[in-house]
Amino acid sequence: MNITAKYCHQEMEAYGSCVASNPSTWQHHCHELKVKVATCTSSHPVIRKIRSTCAKEFAEFERCLRENQATPASCKPHVLGFLGCAETVDLSGGEESKLESPVPQP
C-alpha cells in the first residue's frame, strides 16, 4: 500500500475521499475515481507484482466491498489480509529497488 500511495497518491486520495463522503452509494459515485486508481496502479511494475502475487486476497477484498456497499468498514479484515500478503512479496531486484537506489557518486 505504501508503494501504491507513493506512485498513485493523488488518485488514492480522491478515491478515498469519495468513498468516505458517499458511504451508501460509493460504488456508483466513485467508479470513475476507482478506474483512475486502477489505471495508475496497473502501470507500475512493483504494484503489478504485488497485485499478481496477492490476487486472491485482493479479489476477496473487492468481493467484500461489493457485498457490503453500505458498510465498507466491515471489510477491514480483507484489507488486512491483502496488506499482510503484500508485505511478503519479494521486491528485491525489482523496479522498486532500482528506483530507490542512490545514484553512485564518482
PDB file of N, CA and C in Angstrom:
ATOM      1  N   MET A   1       0.823  -1.195   0.000  1.00  0.00           N
ATOM      2  CA  MET A   1       0.000   0.000   0.000  1.00  0.00           C
ATOM      3  C   MET A   1       0.869   1.260   0.000  1.00  0.00           C
ATOM      4  N   ASN A   2       1.999   1.196   0.695  1.00  0.00           N
ATOM      5  CA  ASN A   2       2.875   2.361   0.686  1.00  0.00           C
ATOM      6  C   ASN A   2       3.370   2.656  -0.719  1.00  0.00           C
ATOM      7  N   ILE A   3       3.653   1.596  -1.469  1.00  0.00           N
ATOM      8  CA  ILE A   3       4.118   1.780  -2.844  1.00  0.00           C
ATOM      9  C   ILE A   3       2.999   2.387  -3.681  1.00  0.00           C
ATOM     10  N   THR A   4       1.787   1.870  -3.509  1.00  0.00           N
ATOM     11  CA  THR A   4       0.647   2.426  -4.237  1.00  0.00           C
ATOM     12  C   THR A   4       0.470   3.894  -3.879  1.00  0.00           C
ATOM     13  N   ALA A   5       0.548   4.200  -2.602  1.00  0.00           N
ATOM     14  CA  ALA A   5       0.387   5.586  -2.166  1.00  0.00           C
ATOM     15  C   ALA A   5       1.509   6.460  -2.709  1.00  0.00           C
ATOM     16  N   LYS A   6       2.692   5.899  -2.798  1.00  0.00           N
ATOM     17  CA  LYS A   6       3.833   6.670  -3.284  1.00  0.00           C
ATOM     18  C   LYS A   6       3.658   7.067  -4.748  1.00  0.00           C
ATOM     19  N   TYR A   7       3.209   6.133  -5.570  1.00  0.00           N
ATOM     20  CA  TYR A   7       3.128   6.387  -7.000  1.00  0.00           C
ATOM     21  C   TYR A   7       1.749   6.836  -7.475  1.00  0.00           C
ATOM     22  N   CYS A   8       0.724   6.616  -6.666  1.00  0.00           N
ATOM     23  CA  CYS A   8      -0.646   6.948  -7.080  1.00  0.00           C
ATOM     24  C   CYS A   8      -1.366   7.725  -5.978  1.00  0.00           C
ATOM     25  N   HIS A   9      -0.635   8.555  -5.274  1.00  0.00           N
ATOM     26  CA  HIS A   9      -1.172   9.265  -4.110  1.00  0.00           C
ATOM     27  C   HIS A   9      -2.418  10.087  -4.440  1.00  0.00           C
ATOM     28  N   GLN A  10      -2.353  10.902  -5.475  1.00  0.00           N
ATOM     29  CA  GLN A  10      -3.483  11.778  -5.785  1.00  0.00           C
ATOM     30  C   GLN A  10      -4.733  10.972  -6.116  1.00  0.00           C
ATOM     31  N   GLU A  11      -4.555   9.914  -6.893  1.00  0.00           N
ATOM     32  CA  GLU A  11      -5.693   9.086  -7.280  1.00  0.00           C
ATOM     33  C   GLU A  11      -6.317   8.395  -6.067  1.00  0.00           C
ATOM     34  N   MET A  12      -5.457   7.862  -5.185  1.00  0.00           N
ATOM     35  CA  MET A  12      -5.958   7.182  -3.984  1.00  0.00           C
ATOM     36  C   MET A  12      -6.643   8.153  -3.040  1.00  0.00           C
ATOM     37  N   GLU A  13      -6.084   9.340  -2.902  1.00  0.00           N
ATOM     38  CA  GLU A  13      -6.660  10.351  -2.011  1.00  0.00           C
ATOM     39  C   GLU A  13      -8.067  10.734  -2.492  1.00  0.00           C
ATOM     40  N   ALA A  14      -8.207  10.975  -3.776  1.00  0.00           N
ATOM     41  CA  ALA A  14      -9.510  11.360  -4.328  1.00  0.00           C
ATOM     42  C   ALA A  14     -10.524  10.224  -4.169  1.00  0.00           C
ATOM     43  N   TYR A  15     -10.098   9.008  -4.440  1.00  0.00           N
ATOM     44  CA  TYR A  15     -10.991   7.852  -4.318  1.00  0.00           C
ATOM     45  C   TYR A  15     -11.402   7.639  -2.863  1.00  0.00           C
ATOM     46  N   GLY A  16     -10.442   7.693  -1.949  1.00  0.00           N
ATOM     47  CA  GLY A  16     -10.748   7.518  -0.527  1.00  0.00           C
ATOM     48  C   GLY A  16     -11.708   8.570  -0.008  1.00  0.00           C
ATOM     49  N   SER A  17     -11.512   9.800  -0.421  1.00  0.00           N
ATOM     50  CA  SER A  17     -12.412  10.885  -0.006  1.00  0.00           C
ATOM     51  C   SER A  17     -13.818  10.654  -0.545  1.00  0.00           C
ATOM     52  N   CYS A  18     -13.900  10.204  -1.780  1.00  0.00           N
ATOM     53  CA  CYS A  18     -15.201   9.939  -2.391  1.00  0.00           C
ATOM     54  C   CYS A  18     -15.927   8.816  -1.648  1.00  0.00           C
ATOM     55  N   VAL A  19     -15.227   7.731  -1.344  1.00  0.00           N
ATOM     56  CA  VAL A  19     -15.837   6.600  -0.622  1.00  0.00           C
ATOM     57  C   VAL A  19     -16.329   7.060   0.746  1.00  0.00           C
ATOM     58  N   ALA A  20     -15.499   7.830   1.454  1.00  0.00           N
ATOM     59  CA  ALA A  20     -15.877   8.309   2.789  1.00  0.00           C
ATOM     60  C   ALA A  20     -17.076   9.253   2.727  1.00  0.00           C
ATOM     61  N   SER A  21     -17.164  10.036   1.670  1.00  0.00           N
ATOM     62  CA  SER A  21     -18.256  11.000   1.534  1.00  0.00           C
ATOM     63  C   SER A  21     -19.565  10.384   1.049  1.00  0.00           C
ATOM     64  N   ASN A  22     -19.488   9.185   0.500  1.00  0.00           N
ATOM     65  CA  ASN A  22     -20.669   8.526  -0.070  1.00  0.00           C
ATOM     66  C   ASN A  22     -20.774   7.092   0.449  1.00  0.00           C
ATOM     67  N   PRO A  23     -20.978   6.918   1.763  1.00  0.00           N
ATOM     68  CA  PRO A  23     -20.922   5.578   2.341  1.00  0.00           C
ATOM     69  C   PRO A  23     -21.906   4.566   1.762  1.00  0.00           C
ATOM     70  N   SER A  24     -23.052   5.000   1.319  1.00  0.00           N
ATOM     71  CA  SER A  24     -24.021   4.029   0.798  1.00  0.00           C
ATOM     72  C   SER A  24     -24.076   3.986  -0.725  1.00  0.00           C
ATOM     73  N   THR A  25     -23.465   4.950  -1.388  1.00  0.00           N
ATOM     74  CA  THR A  25     -23.529   4.988  -2.854  1.00  0.00           C
ATOM     75  C   THR A  25     -22.145   5.087  -3.495  1.00  0.00           C
ATOM     76  N   TRP A  26     -21.087   4.812  -2.719  1.00  0.00           N
ATOM     77  CA  TRP A  26     -19.729   4.989  -3.226  1.00  0.00           C
ATOM     78  C   TRP A  26     -19.454   4.168  -4.470  1.00  0.00           C
ATOM     79  N   GLN A  27     -20.022   2.943  -4.584  1.00  0.00           N
ATOM     80  CA  GLN A  27     -19.779   2.090  -5.766  1.00  0.00           C
ATOM     81  C   GLN A  27     -20.159   2.843  -7.031  1.00  0.00           C
ATOM     82  N   HIS A  28     -21.257   3.557  -6.977  1.00  0.00           N
ATOM     83  CA  HIS A  28     -21.746   4.291  -8.149  1.00  0.00           C
ATOM     84  C   HIS A  28     -21.032   5.632  -8.303  1.00  0.00           C
ATOM     85  N   HIS A  29     -20.982   6.408  -7.244  1.00  0.00           N
ATOM     86  CA  HIS A  29     -20.430   7.762  -7.308  1.00  0.00           C
ATOM     87  C   HIS A  29     -18.916   7.803  -7.515  1.00  0.00           C
ATOM     88  N   CYS A  30     -18.220   6.782  -7.093  1.00  0.00           N
ATOM     89  CA  CYS A  30     -16.756   6.813  -7.115  1.00  0.00           C
ATOM     90  C   CYS A  30     -16.144   5.921  -8.191  1.00  0.00           C
ATOM     91  N   HIS A  31     -16.967   5.406  -9.079  1.00  0.00           N
ATOM     92  CA  HIS A  31     -16.476   4.450 -10.077  1.00  0.00           C
ATOM     93  C   HIS A  31     -15.353   5.039 -10.933  1.00  0.00           C
ATOM     94  N   GLU A  32     -15.539   6.249 -11.423  1.00  0.00           N
ATOM     95  CA  GLU A  32     -14.519   6.867 -12.280  1.00  0.00           C
ATOM     96  C   GLU A  32     -13.188   7.023 -11.542  1.00  0.00           C
ATOM     97  N   LEU A  33     -13.257   7.378 -10.257  1.00  0.00           N
ATOM     98  CA  LEU A  33     -12.037   7.521  -9.461  1.00  0.00           C
ATOM     99  C   LEU A  33     -11.383   6.165  -9.211  1.00  0.00           C
ATOM    100  N   LYS A  34     -12.191   5.132  -9.036  1.00  0.00           N
ATOM    101  CA  LYS A  34     -11.668   3.780  -8.863  1.00  0.00           C
ATOM    102  C   LYS A  34     -10.918   3.361 -10.125  1.00  0.00           C
ATOM    103  N   VAL A  35     -11.463   3.684 -11.285  1.00  0.00           N
ATOM    104  CA  VAL A  35     -10.813   3.359 -12.551  1.00  0.00           C
ATOM    105  C   VAL A  35      -9.465   4.095 -12.655  1.00  0.00           C
ATOM    106  N   LYS A  36      -9.420   5.339 -12.197  1.00  0.00           N
ATOM    107  CA  LYS A  36      -8.169   6.100 -12.235  1.00  0.00           C
ATOM    108  C   LYS A  36      -7.104   5.461 -11.342  1.00  0.00           C
ATOM    109  N   VAL A  37      -7.506   4.981 -10.160  1.00  0.00           N
ATOM    110  CA  VAL A  37      -6.567   4.287  -9.274  1.00  0.00           C
ATOM    111  C   VAL A  37      -6.083   3.012  -9.958  1.00  0.00           C
ATOM    112  N   ALA A  38      -6.998   2.263 -10.530  1.00  0.00           N
ATOM    113  CA  ALA A  38      -6.633   1.007 -11.199  1.00  0.00           C
ATOM    114  C   ALA A  38      -5.682   1.250 -12.365  1.00  0.00           C
ATOM    115  N   THR A  39      -5.942   2.294 -13.119  1.00  0.00           N
ATOM    116  CA  THR A  39      -5.075   2.628 -14.248  1.00  0.00           C
ATOM    117  C   THR A  39      -3.675   2.986 -13.758  1.00  0.00           C
ATOM    118  N   CYS A  40      -3.612   3.787 -12.719  1.00  0.00           N
ATOM    119  CA  CYS A  40      -2.321   4.186 -12.164  1.00  0.00           C
ATOM    120  C   CYS A  40      -1.555   2.971 -11.632  1.00  0.00           C
ATOM    121  N   THR A  41      -2.232   2.148 -10.829  1.00  0.00           N
ATOM    122  CA  THR A  41      -1.545   1.013 -10.219  1.00  0.00           C
ATOM    123  C   THR A  41      -1.154  -0.043 -11.238  1.00  0.00           C
ATOM    124  N   SER A  42      -1.934  -0.199 -12.274  1.00  0.00           N
ATOM    125  CA  SER A  42      -1.613  -1.231 -13.258  1.00  0.00           C
ATOM    126  C   SER A  42      -0.429  -0.849 -14.126  1.00  0.00           C
ATOM    127  N   SER A  43      -0.020   0.416 -14.081  1.00  0.00           N
ATOM    128  CA  SER A  43       1.088   0.850 -14.916  1.00  0.00           C
ATOM    129  C   SER A  43       2.442   0.726 -14.212  1.00  0.00           C
ATOM    130  N   HIS A  44       2.475   0.447 -12.922  1.00  0.00           N
ATOM    131  CA  HIS A  44       3.740   0.360 -12.197  1.00  0.00           C
ATOM    132  C   HIS A  44       4.145  -1.096 -11.970  1.00  0.00           C
ATOM    133  N   PRO A  45       5.380  -1.493 -12.356  1.00  0.00           N
ATOM    134  CA  PRO A  45       5.785  -2.910 -12.266  1.00  0.00           C
ATOM    135  C   PRO A  45       5.755  -3.492 -10.858  1.00  0.00           C
ATOM    136  N   VAL A  46       6.139  -2.715  -9.856  1.00  0.00           N
ATOM    137  CA  VAL A  46       6.138  -3.234  -8.485  1.00  0.00           C
ATOM    138  C   VAL A  46       4.704  -3.500  -8.029  1.00  0.00           C
ATOM    139  N   ILE A  47       3.818  -2.589  -8.326  1.00  0.00           N
ATOM    140  CA  ILE A  47       2.417  -2.759  -7.936  1.00  0.00           C
ATOM    141  C   ILE A  47       1.806  -3.938  -8.690  1.00  0.00           C
ATOM    142  N   ARG A  48       2.158  -4.088  -9.956  1.00  0.00           N
ATOM    143  CA  ARG A  48       1.660  -5.237 -10.728  1.00  0.00           C
ATOM    144  C   ARG A  48       2.103  -6.549 -10.094  1.00  0.00           C
ATOM    145  N   LYS A  49       3.342  -6.599  -9.622  1.00  0.00           N
ATOM    146  CA  LYS A  49       3.848  -7.823  -8.989  1.00  0.00           C
ATOM    147  C   LYS A  49       3.072  -8.135  -7.709  1.00  0.00           C
ATOM    148  N   ILE A  50       2.821  -7.127  -6.903  1.00  0.00           N
ATOM    149  CA  ILE A  50       2.069  -7.331  -5.662  1.00  0.00           C
ATOM    150  C   ILE A  50       0.647  -7.786  -5.977  1.00  0.00           C
ATOM    151  N   ARG A  51       0.000  -7.128  -6.916  1.00  0.00           N
ATOM    152  CA  ARG A  51      -1.379  -7.495  -7.257  1.00  0.00           C
ATOM    153  C   ARG A  51      -1.446  -8.891  -7.851  1.00  0.00           C
ATOM    154  N   SER A  52      -0.429  -9.278  -8.588  1.00  0.00           N
ATOM    155  CA  SER A  52      -0.396 -10.618  -9.162  1.00  0.00           C
ATOM    156  C   SER A  52      -0.199 -11.668  -8.060  1.00  0.00           C
ATOM    157  N   THR A  53       0.771 -11.426  -7.202  1.00  0.00           N
ATOM    158  CA  THR A  53       1.078 -12.374  -6.125  1.00  0.00           C
ATOM    159  C   THR A  53      -0.081 -12.484  -5.134  1.00  0.00           C
ATOM    160  N   CYS A  54      -0.761 -11.382  -4.869  1.00  0.00           N
ATOM    161  CA  CYS A  54      -1.825 -11.340  -3.868  1.00  0.00           C
ATOM    162  C   CYS A  54      -3.210 -11.220  -4.509  1.00  0.00           C
ATOM    163  N   ALA A  55      -3.354 -11.765  -5.702  1.00  0.00           N
ATOM    164  CA  ALA A  55      -4.615 -11.638  -6.446  1.00  0.00           C
ATOM    165  C   ALA A  55      -5.796 -12.214  -5.668  1.00  0.00           C
ATOM    166  N   LYS A  56      -5.597 -13.334  -4.991  1.00  0.00           N
ATOM    167  CA  LYS A  56      -6.683 -13.963  -4.234  1.00  0.00           C
ATOM    168  C   LYS A  56      -7.165 -13.036  -3.113  1.00  0.00           C
ATOM    169  N   GLU A  57      -6.240 -12.500  -2.357  1.00  0.00           N
ATOM    170  CA  GLU A  57      -6.593 -11.612  -1.251  1.00  0.00           C
ATOM    171  C   GLU A  57      -7.261 -10.331  -1.754  1.00  0.00           C
ATOM    172  N   PHE A  58      -6.763  -9.819  -2.872  1.00  0.00           N
ATOM    173  CA  PHE A  58      -7.350  -8.602  -3.424  1.00  0.00           C
ATOM    174  C   PHE A  58      -8.761  -8.871  -3.931  1.00  0.00           C
ATOM    175  N   ALA A  59      -8.962 -10.021  -4.571  1.00  0.00           N
ATOM    176  CA  ALA A  59     -10.296 -10.386  -5.067  1.00  0.00           C
ATOM    177  C   ALA A  59     -11.278 -10.544  -3.909  1.00  0.00           C
ATOM    178  N   GLU A  60     -10.829 -11.127  -2.793  1.00  0.00           N
ATOM    179  CA  GLU A  60     -11.691 -11.272  -1.618  1.00  0.00           C
ATOM    180  C   GLU A  60     -12.089  -9.903  -1.062  1.00  0.00           C
ATOM    181  N   PHE A  61     -11.150  -8.975  -1.062  1.00  0.00           N
ATOM    182  CA  PHE A  61     -11.430  -7.622  -0.593  1.00  0.00           C
ATOM    183  C   PHE A  61     -12.465  -6.953  -1.503  1.00  0.00           C
ATOM    184  N   GLU A  62     -12.278  -7.047  -2.805  1.00  0.00           N
ATOM    185  CA  GLU A  62     -13.230  -6.441  -3.737  1.00  0.00           C
ATOM    186  C   GLU A  62     -14.609  -7.086  -3.619  1.00  0.00           C
ATOM    187  N   ARG A  63     -14.656  -8.393  -3.436  1.00  0.00           N
ATOM    188  CA  ARG A  63     -15.933  -9.089  -3.268  1.00  0.00           C
ATOM    189  C   ARG A  63     -16.634  -8.592  -2.009  1.00  0.00           C
ATOM    190  N   CYS A  64     -15.879  -8.430  -0.936  1.00  0.00           N
ATOM    191  CA  CYS A  64     -16.445  -7.926   0.314  1.00  0.00           C
ATOM    192  C   CYS A  64     -17.036  -6.535   0.101  1.00  0.00           C
ATOM    193  N   LEU A  65     -16.317  -5.676  -0.607  1.00  0.00           N
ATOM    194  CA  LEU A  65     -16.835  -4.329  -0.857  1.00  0.00           C
ATOM    195  C   LEU A  65     -18.133  -4.368  -1.661  1.00  0.00           C
ATOM    196  N   ARG A  66     -18.203  -5.238  -2.654  1.00  0.00           N
ATOM    197  CA  ARG A  66     -19.437  -5.360  -3.448  1.00  0.00           C
ATOM    198  C   ARG A  66     -20.602  -5.840  -2.587  1.00  0.00           C
ATOM    199  N   GLU A  67     -20.330  -6.781  -1.693  1.00  0.00           N
ATOM    200  CA  GLU A  67     -21.382  -7.364  -0.863  1.00  0.00           C
ATOM    201  C   GLU A  67     -21.770  -6.475   0.319  1.00  0.00           C
ATOM    202  N   ASN A  68     -20.927  -5.521   0.659  1.00  0.00           N
ATOM    203  CA  ASN A  68     -21.168  -4.664   1.829  1.00  0.00           C
ATOM    204  C   ASN A  68     -21.054  -3.198   1.453  1.00  0.00           C
ATOM    205  N   GLN A  69     -21.723  -2.805   0.393  1.00  0.00           N
ATOM    206  CA  GLN A  69     -21.612  -1.442  -0.114  1.00  0.00           C
ATOM    207  C   GLN A  69     -21.993  -0.392   0.917  1.00  0.00           C
ATOM    208  N   ALA A  70     -22.954  -0.695   1.745  1.00  0.00           N
ATOM    209  CA  ALA A  70     -23.401   0.277   2.742  1.00  0.00           C
ATOM    210  C   ALA A  70     -22.472   0.337   3.952  1.00  0.00           C
ATOM    211  N   THR A  71     -21.649  -0.703   4.138  1.00  0.00           N
ATOM    212  CA  THR A  71     -20.755  -0.746   5.295  1.00  0.00           C
ATOM    213  C   THR A  71     -19.354  -1.196   4.875  1.00  0.00           C
ATOM    214  N   PRO A  72     -18.654  -0.383   4.086  1.00  0.00           N
ATOM    215  CA  PRO A  72     -17.327  -0.796   3.615  1.00  0.00           C
ATOM    216  C   PRO A  72     -16.324  -1.047   4.735  1.00  0.00           C
ATOM    217  N   ALA A  73     -16.528  -0.444   5.897  1.00  0.00           N
ATOM    218  CA  ALA A  73     -15.614  -0.651   7.020  1.00  0.00           C
ATOM    219  C   ALA A  73     -15.623  -2.106   7.491  1.00  0.00           C
ATOM    220  N   SER A  74     -16.688  -2.834   7.197  1.00  0.00           N
ATOM    221  CA  SER A  74     -16.753  -4.240   7.605  1.00  0.00           C
ATOM    222  C   SER A  74     -15.755  -5.102   6.824  1.00  0.00           C
ATOM    223  N   CYS A  75     -15.123  -4.543   5.821  1.00  0.00           N
ATOM    224  CA  CYS A  75     -14.150  -5.283   5.014  1.00  0.00           C
ATOM    225  C   CYS A  75     -12.722  -5.125   5.526  1.00  0.00           C
ATOM    226  N   LYS A  76     -12.572  -4.551   6.691  1.00  0.00           N
ATOM    227  CA  LYS A  76     -11.239  -4.337   7.246  1.00  0.00           C
ATOM    228  C   LYS A  76     -10.415  -5.624   7.317  1.00  0.00           C
ATOM    229  N   PRO A  77     -10.986  -6.768   7.732  1.00  0.00           N
ATOM    230  CA  PRO A  77     -10.183  -7.998   7.754  1.00  0.00           C
ATOM    231  C   PRO A  77      -9.633  -8.368   6.372  1.00  0.00           C
ATOM    232  N   HIS A  78     -10.403  -8.064   5.326  1.00  0.00           N
ATOM    233  CA  HIS A  78      -9.945  -8.367   3.972  1.00  0.00           C
ATOM    234  C   HIS A  78      -8.815  -7.432   3.560  1.00  0.00           C
ATOM    235  N   VAL A  79      -8.907  -6.180   3.964  1.00  0.00           N
ATOM    236  CA  VAL A  79      -7.818  -5.231   3.692  1.00  0.00           C
ATOM    237  C   VAL A  79      -6.556  -5.707   4.392  1.00  0.00           C
ATOM    238  N   LEU A  80      -6.698  -6.104   5.649  1.00  0.00           N
ATOM    239  CA  LEU A  80      -5.541  -6.568   6.408  1.00  0.00           C
ATOM    240  C   LEU A  80      -4.938  -7.827   5.790  1.00  0.00           C
ATOM    241  N   GLY A  81      -5.782  -8.713   5.267  1.00  0.00           N
ATOM    242  CA  GLY A  81      -5.285  -9.907   4.578  1.00  0.00           C
ATOM    243  C   GLY A  81      -4.471  -9.546   3.355  1.00  0.00           C
ATOM    244  N   PHE A  82      -4.976  -8.592   2.583  1.00  0.00           N
ATOM    245  CA  PHE A  82      -4.241  -8.154   1.392  1.00  0.00           C
ATOM    246  C   PHE A  82      -2.929  -7.488   1.784  1.00  0.00           C
ATOM    247  N   LEU A  83      -2.971  -6.611   2.790  1.00  0.00           N
ATOM    248  CA  LEU A  83      -1.751  -5.932   3.229  1.00  0.00           C
ATOM    249  C   LEU A  83      -0.719  -6.922   3.750  1.00  0.00           C
ATOM    250  N   GLY A  84      -1.192  -7.914   4.496  1.00  0.00           N
ATOM    251  CA  GLY A  84      -0.286  -8.939   5.007  1.00  0.00           C
ATOM    252  C   GLY A  84       0.402  -9.680   3.873  1.00  0.00           C
ATOM    253  N   CYS A  85      -0.354 -10.020   2.857  1.00  0.00           N
ATOM    254  CA  CYS A  85       0.216 -10.681   1.687  1.00  0.00           C
ATOM    255  C   CYS A  85       1.212  -9.762   0.992  1.00  0.00           C
ATOM    256  N   ALA A  86       0.828  -8.518   0.778  1.00  0.00           N
ATOM    257  CA  ALA A  86       1.688  -7.568   0.064  1.00  0.00           C
ATOM    258  C   ALA A  86       3.039  -7.404   0.749  1.00  0.00           C
ATOM    259  N   GLU A  87       3.039  -7.477   2.069  1.00  0.00           N
ATOM    260  CA  GLU A  87       4.290  -7.322   2.799  1.00  0.00           C
ATOM    261  C   GLU A  87       5.223  -8.509   2.622  1.00  0.00           C
ATOM    262  N   THR A  88       4.707  -9.637   2.164  1.00  0.00           N
ATOM    263  CA  THR A  88       5.539 -10.824   1.972  1.00  0.00           C
ATOM    264  C   THR A  88       6.116 -10.921   0.564  1.00  0.00           C
ATOM    265  N   VAL A  89       5.682 -10.056  -0.344  1.00  0.00           N
ATOM    266  CA  VAL A  89       6.150 -10.115  -1.727  1.00  0.00           C
ATOM    267  C   VAL A  89       7.606  -9.682  -1.800  1.00  0.00           C
ATOM    268  N   ASP A  90       8.414 -10.497  -2.452  1.00  0.00           N
ATOM    269  CA  ASP A  90       9.834 -10.207  -2.587  1.00  0.00           C
ATOM    270  C   ASP A  90      10.036  -9.176  -3.690  1.00  0.00           C
ATOM    271  N   LEU A  91      10.456  -7.991  -3.304  1.00  0.00           N
ATOM    272  CA  LEU A  91      10.678  -6.916  -4.267  1.00  0.00           C
ATOM    273  C   LEU A  91      12.162  -6.694  -4.536  1.00  0.00           C
ATOM    274  N   SER A  92      13.015  -7.540  -3.954  1.00  0.00           N
ATOM    275  CA  SER A  92      14.447  -7.357  -4.170  1.00  0.00           C
ATOM    276  C   SER A  92      14.780  -7.603  -5.635  1.00  0.00           C
ATOM    277  N   GLY A  93      15.596  -6.737  -6.155  1.00  0.00           N
ATOM    278  CA  GLY A  93      15.977  -6.851  -7.549  1.00  0.00           C
ATOM    279  C   GLY A  93      14.924  -6.339  -8.504  1.00  0.00           C
ATOM    280  N   GLY A  94      13.795  -5.872  -7.958  1.00  0.00           N
ATOM    281  CA  GLY A  94      12.721  -5.376  -8.804  1.00  0.00           C
ATOM    282  C   GLY A  94      12.895  -3.911  -9.105  1.00  0.00           C
ATOM    283  N   GLU A  95      11.910  -3.366  -9.747  1.00  0.00           N
ATOM    284  CA  GLU A  95      11.953  -1.959 -10.142  1.00  0.00           C
ATOM    285  C   GLU A  95      12.036  -1.035  -8.926  1.00  0.00           C
ATOM    286  N   GLU A  96      11.389  -1.416  -7.825  1.00  0.00           N
ATOM    287  CA  GLU A  96      11.392  -0.545  -6.648  1.00  0.00           C
ATOM    288  C   GLU A  96      12.811  -0.323  -6.147  1.00  0.00           C
ATOM    289  N   SER A  97      13.617  -1.403  -6.066  1.00  0.00           N
ATOM    290  CA  SER A  97      14.980  -1.229  -5.552  1.00  0.00           C
ATOM    291  C   SER A  97      15.803  -0.375  -6.508  1.00  0.00           C
ATOM    292  N   LYS A  98      15.540  -0.490  -7.809  1.00  0.00           N
ATOM    293  CA  LYS A  98      16.248   0.339  -8.777  1.00  0.00           C
ATOM    294  C   LYS A  98      15.860   1.806  -8.606  1.00  0.00           C
ATOM    295  N   LEU A  99      14.595   2.049  -8.332  1.00  0.00           N
ATOM    296  CA  LEU A  99      14.128   3.418  -8.174  1.00  0.00           C
ATOM    297  C   LEU A  99      14.621   4.040  -6.878  1.00  0.00           C
ATOM    298  N   GLU A 100      14.782   3.215  -5.856  1.00  0.00           N
ATOM    299  CA  GLU A 100      15.154   3.734  -4.542  1.00  0.00           C
ATOM    300  C   GLU A 100      16.659   3.840  -4.369  1.00  0.00           C
ATOM    301  N   SER A 101      17.447   3.129  -5.194  1.00  0.00           N
ATOM    302  CA  SER A 101      18.893   3.131  -5.019  1.00  0.00           C
ATOM    303  C   SER A 101      19.475   4.490  -5.358  1.00  0.00           C
ATOM    304  N   PRO A 102      20.385   4.953  -4.512  1.00  0.00           N
ATOM    305  CA  PRO A 102      21.008   6.237  -4.836  1.00  0.00           C
ATOM    306  C   PRO A 102      21.921   6.070  -6.053  1.00  0.00           C
ATOM    307  N   VAL A 103      22.089   7.164  -6.758  1.00  0.00           N
ATOM    308  CA  VAL A 103      22.987   7.159  -7.903  1.00  0.00           C
ATOM    309  C   VAL A 103      24.413   7.177  -7.373  1.00  0.00           C
ATOM    310  N   PRO A 104      25.252   6.233  -7.840  1.00  0.00           N
ATOM    311  CA  PRO A 104      26.646   6.205  -7.341  1.00  0.00           C
ATOM    312  C   PRO A 104      27.356   7.515  -7.650  1.00  0.00           C
ATOM    313  N   GLN A 105      28.105   7.971  -6.692  1.00  0.00           N
ATOM    314  CA  GLN A 105      28.864   9.207  -6.842  1.00  0.00           C
ATOM    315  C   GLN A 105      30.288   8.873  -7.272  1.00  0.00           C
ATOM    316  N   PRO A 106      30.873   9.649  -8.191  1.00  0.00           N
ATOM    317  CA  PRO A 106      32.256   9.371  -8.639  1.00  0.00           C
ATOM    318  C   PRO A 106      33.279   9.654  -7.567  1.00  0.00           C
TER     319      PRO A 106
END
